[in-house]
């Protein structure tokens, strides 16, 4: 395949929208919040258990966020987790 065979397509900035997901904006917001939670955990060197003890959320919630298993979270719950950190 040569460079002439490759078509460059610019995305919208939301991968979920680019793939036609009807809940693209919500999924993007949840992904951004989860990334923020992970950044705080990493910056502060917090384990999921330590984060749980500091915030009152269960360790499994932080583990799910780390594993990008966001389906059971509302955006509001993720915001509360981030604010609690």
Protein backbone atom coordinates (compact mmCIF):
# COMPACT_ATOMS: atom_id res chain seq x y z
CA UNK A 1 0.00 0.00 0.00
CA UNK A 2 1.41 3.38 -0.99
CA UNK A 3 0.73 6.77 0.53
CA UNK A 4 -1.52 7.51 -2.44
CA UNK A 5 -3.85 4.70 -1.32
CA UNK A 6 -4.44 6.17 2.15
CA UNK A 7 -7.25 8.65 2.65
CA UNK A 8 -6.90 10.96 5.63
CA UNK A 9 -10.19 11.51 7.44
CA UNK A 10 -10.45 14.03 10.26
CA UNK A 11 -12.49 12.92 13.25
CA UNK A 12 -14.97 14.97 15.21
CA UNK A 13 -12.95 14.80 18.41
CA UNK A 14 -15.39 12.24 19.80
CA UNK A 15 -14.59 8.69 18.75
CA UNK A 16 -18.02 7.50 19.86
CA UNK A 17 -19.69 10.00 17.51
CA UNK A 18 -17.33 9.04 14.69
CA UNK A 19 -18.58 5.46 14.99
CA UNK A 20 -22.23 6.53 15.09
CA UNK A 21 -23.00 5.81 18.74
CA UNK A 22 -26.33 7.45 19.67
CA UNK A 23 -25.05 8.18 23.20
CA UNK A 24 -21.73 9.58 22.00
CA UNK A 25 -21.70 12.74 24.10
CA UNK A 26 -22.51 10.88 27.32
CA UNK A 27 -19.88 8.22 26.64
CA UNK A 28 -17.28 10.89 25.85
CA UNK A 29 -18.09 12.76 29.07
CA UNK A 30 -17.80 9.57 31.11
CA UNK A 31 -14.47 8.72 29.47
CA UNK A 32 -13.09 12.20 30.24
CA UNK A 33 -14.22 11.94 33.88
CA UNK A 34 -12.70 8.47 34.19
CA UNK A 35 -9.43 9.75 32.76
CA UNK A 36 -9.48 12.51 35.37
CA UNK A 37 -10.02 9.99 38.16
CA UNK A 38 -7.18 7.81 36.90
CA UNK A 39 -4.89 10.85 36.63
CA UNK A 40 -5.56 11.79 40.27
CA UNK A 41 -5.00 8.21 41.43
CA UNK A 42 -1.71 8.07 39.54
CA UNK A 43 -0.53 11.55 40.56
CA UNK A 44 -1.20 10.84 44.22
CA UNK A 45 0.05 7.25 44.06
CA UNK A 46 -3.27 5.92 45.36
CA UNK A 47 -4.28 2.29 45.19
CA UNK A 48 -7.95 1.56 44.66
CA UNK A 49 -8.21 0.51 48.30
CA UNK A 50 -6.60 3.72 49.55
CA UNK A 51 -8.86 5.79 47.28
CA UNK A 52 -11.86 3.92 48.67
CA UNK A 53 -10.85 4.59 52.27
CA UNK A 54 -10.34 8.30 51.52
CA UNK A 55 -13.60 8.83 49.63
CA UNK A 56 -16.19 6.39 50.93
CA UNK A 57 -16.62 4.83 47.50
CA UNK A 58 -15.89 1.11 47.27
CA UNK A 59 -12.56 -0.11 45.88
CA UNK A 60 -14.42 -2.04 43.17
CA UNK A 61 -15.68 1.27 41.76
CA UNK A 62 -12.15 2.59 41.36
CA UNK A 63 -11.05 -0.73 39.90
CA UNK A 64 -13.85 -0.58 37.32
CA UNK A 65 -12.84 2.96 36.38
CA UNK A 66 -9.20 1.86 35.97
CA UNK A 67 -10.39 -0.94 33.67
CA UNK A 68 -12.64 1.41 31.65
CA UNK A 69 -15.70 -0.60 32.71
CA UNK A 70 -17.92 2.48 32.81
CA UNK A 71 -21.29 1.03 31.83
CA UNK A 72 -22.72 0.91 35.34
CA UNK A 73 -21.66 4.46 36.22
CA UNK A 74 -23.65 7.61 35.65
CA UNK A 75 -21.74 10.73 34.73
CA UNK A 76 -22.94 12.21 38.02
CA UNK A 77 -21.43 9.36 40.03
CA UNK A 78 -18.10 9.75 38.22
CA UNK A 79 -18.16 13.49 38.96
CA UNK A 80 -18.76 12.75 42.65
CA UNK A 81 -15.87 10.27 42.69
CA UNK A 82 -13.54 12.79 41.09
CA UNK A 83 -14.63 15.56 43.46
CA UNK A 84 -14.11 13.26 46.47
CA UNK A 85 -10.49 12.72 45.50
